[in-house]
Amino acid sequence: MSATGDYLSRMDSDHDGRVALVEYQDWMSYAFMRMDLDGDGVLTTAELPGGRGNPVSLVEHREKLASTFGRQDRNRDGFLDAGELAAPPQ
């Protein structure tokens, strides 16, 4: 299996061969969840790398991921296939 195919299979929680927005957001939010030490859904400055930056909420984070997903979904079918997943967002 190619690296992209392997990555897709790990993201594809319902095993339908494609990645939906929610699957993408869930997979790409793992680092956020690990950094959110108090589990309040907001990365405070103290929880951010280097202790710098403005706080960011999980909602804001997922909105940014949705924007990235939209740019990668080149055929606009609401899913990412292996080719779209491998390509950088436009």
Protein backbone atom coordinates (compact mmCIF):
# COMPACT_ATOMS: atom_id res chain seq x y z
CA MET A 1 0.00 0.00 0.00
CA SER A 2 1.31 3.46 -0.80
CA ALA A 3 2.04 5.93 1.97
CA THR A 4 -0.95 8.02 0.88
CA GLY A 5 -3.21 4.99 0.79
CA ASP A 6 -2.06 3.98 4.25
CA TYR A 7 -2.68 7.51 5.54
CA LEU A 8 -6.15 7.50 3.96
CA SER A 9 -6.99 4.14 5.52
CA ARG A 10 -6.04 5.42 8.98
CA MET A 11 -8.19 8.56 8.54
CA ASP A 12 -11.11 6.68 7.00
CA SER A 13 -12.91 5.66 10.19
CA ASP A 14 -15.95 4.24 8.39
CA HIS A 15 -13.76 2.31 5.90
CA ASP A 16 -15.57 3.49 2.78
CA GLY A 17 -12.37 4.31 0.89
CA ARG A 18 -12.66 8.06 1.19
CA VAL A 19 -12.31 10.71 3.86
CA ALA A 20 -15.28 12.86 4.86
CA LEU A 21 -14.87 16.29 6.44
CA VAL A 22 -15.60 15.04 9.97
CA GLU A 23 -13.08 12.21 9.60
CA TYR A 24 -10.49 14.71 8.40
CA GLN A 25 -11.21 17.12 11.25
CA ASP A 26 -11.13 14.35 13.84
CA TRP A 27 -7.82 12.96 12.57
CA MET A 28 -6.19 16.36 12.19
CA SER A 29 -7.29 17.49 15.67
CA TYR A 30 -5.28 14.86 17.57
CA ALA A 31 -2.44 17.31 18.34
CA PHE A 32 -4.91 19.94 19.53
CA MET A 33 -6.48 17.45 21.90
CA ARG A 34 -3.10 16.40 23.29
CA MET A 35 -2.03 20.01 23.86
CA ASP A 36 -5.33 20.96 25.54
CA LEU A 37 -4.11 19.88 28.96
CA ASP A 38 -7.17 21.03 30.89
CA GLY A 39 -9.62 19.69 28.28
CA ASP A 40 -11.60 22.91 28.02
CA GLY A 41 -11.57 23.09 24.21
CA VAL A 42 -9.27 26.11 24.13
CA LEU A 43 -5.53 26.18 23.72
CA THR A 44 -4.36 28.96 25.99
CA THR A 45 -1.06 30.72 25.46
CA ALA A 46 0.46 28.50 28.14
CA GLU A 47 -0.65 25.36 26.24
CA LEU A 48 0.69 26.55 22.88
CA PRO A 49 4.17 25.56 21.71
CA GLY A 50 6.72 27.92 23.18
CA GLY A 51 4.06 29.55 25.35
CA ARG A 52 3.37 32.08 22.61
CA GLY A 53 0.43 33.06 20.48
CA ASN A 54 -3.21 33.89 20.89
CA PRO A 55 -5.60 31.35 22.37
CA VAL A 56 -7.39 29.19 19.82
CA SER A 57 -10.57 27.21 20.35
CA LEU A 58 -11.30 23.76 19.01
CA VAL A 59 -14.17 25.30 17.03
CA GLU A 60 -11.77 27.75 15.34
CA HIS A 61 -9.30 24.95 14.70
CA ARG A 62 -11.97 22.77 13.06
CA GLU A 63 -13.15 25.72 10.94
CA LYS A 64 -9.62 26.17 9.59
CA LEU A 65 -9.44 22.46 8.85
CA ALA A 66 -12.76 22.68 6.98
CA SER A 67 -11.31 25.44 4.82
CA THR A 68 -8.24 23.32 4.04
CA PHE A 69 -10.45 20.31 3.30
CA GLY A 70 -12.50 22.42 0.88
CA ARG A 71 -9.38 23.45 -1.03
CA GLN A 72 -8.21 19.82 -1.25
CA ASP A 73 -11.62 18.51 -2.39
CA ARG A 74 -10.93 19.36 -6.02
CA ASN A 75 -13.89 17.48 -7.47
CA ARG A 76 -16.22 19.02 -4.85
CA ASP A 77 -17.87 15.74 -3.91
CA GLY A 78 -17.50 16.34 -0.17
CA PHE A 79 -14.84 13.66 0.27
CA LEU A 80 -11.10 13.29 -0.18
CA ASP A 81 -9.77 10.36 -2.15
CA ALA A 82 -6.13 9.27 -2.05
CA GLY A 83 -5.16 11.63 -4.89
CA GLU A 84 -6.79 14.66 -3.29
CA LEU A 85 -5.34 13.77 0.09
CA ALA A 86 -1.83 13.58 -1.38
CA ALA A 87 -2.10 16.89 -3.22
CA PRO A 88 -1.40 20.15 -1.41
CA PRO A 89 -4.43 22.41 -0.90
CA GLN A 90 -4.84 25.09 -3.56
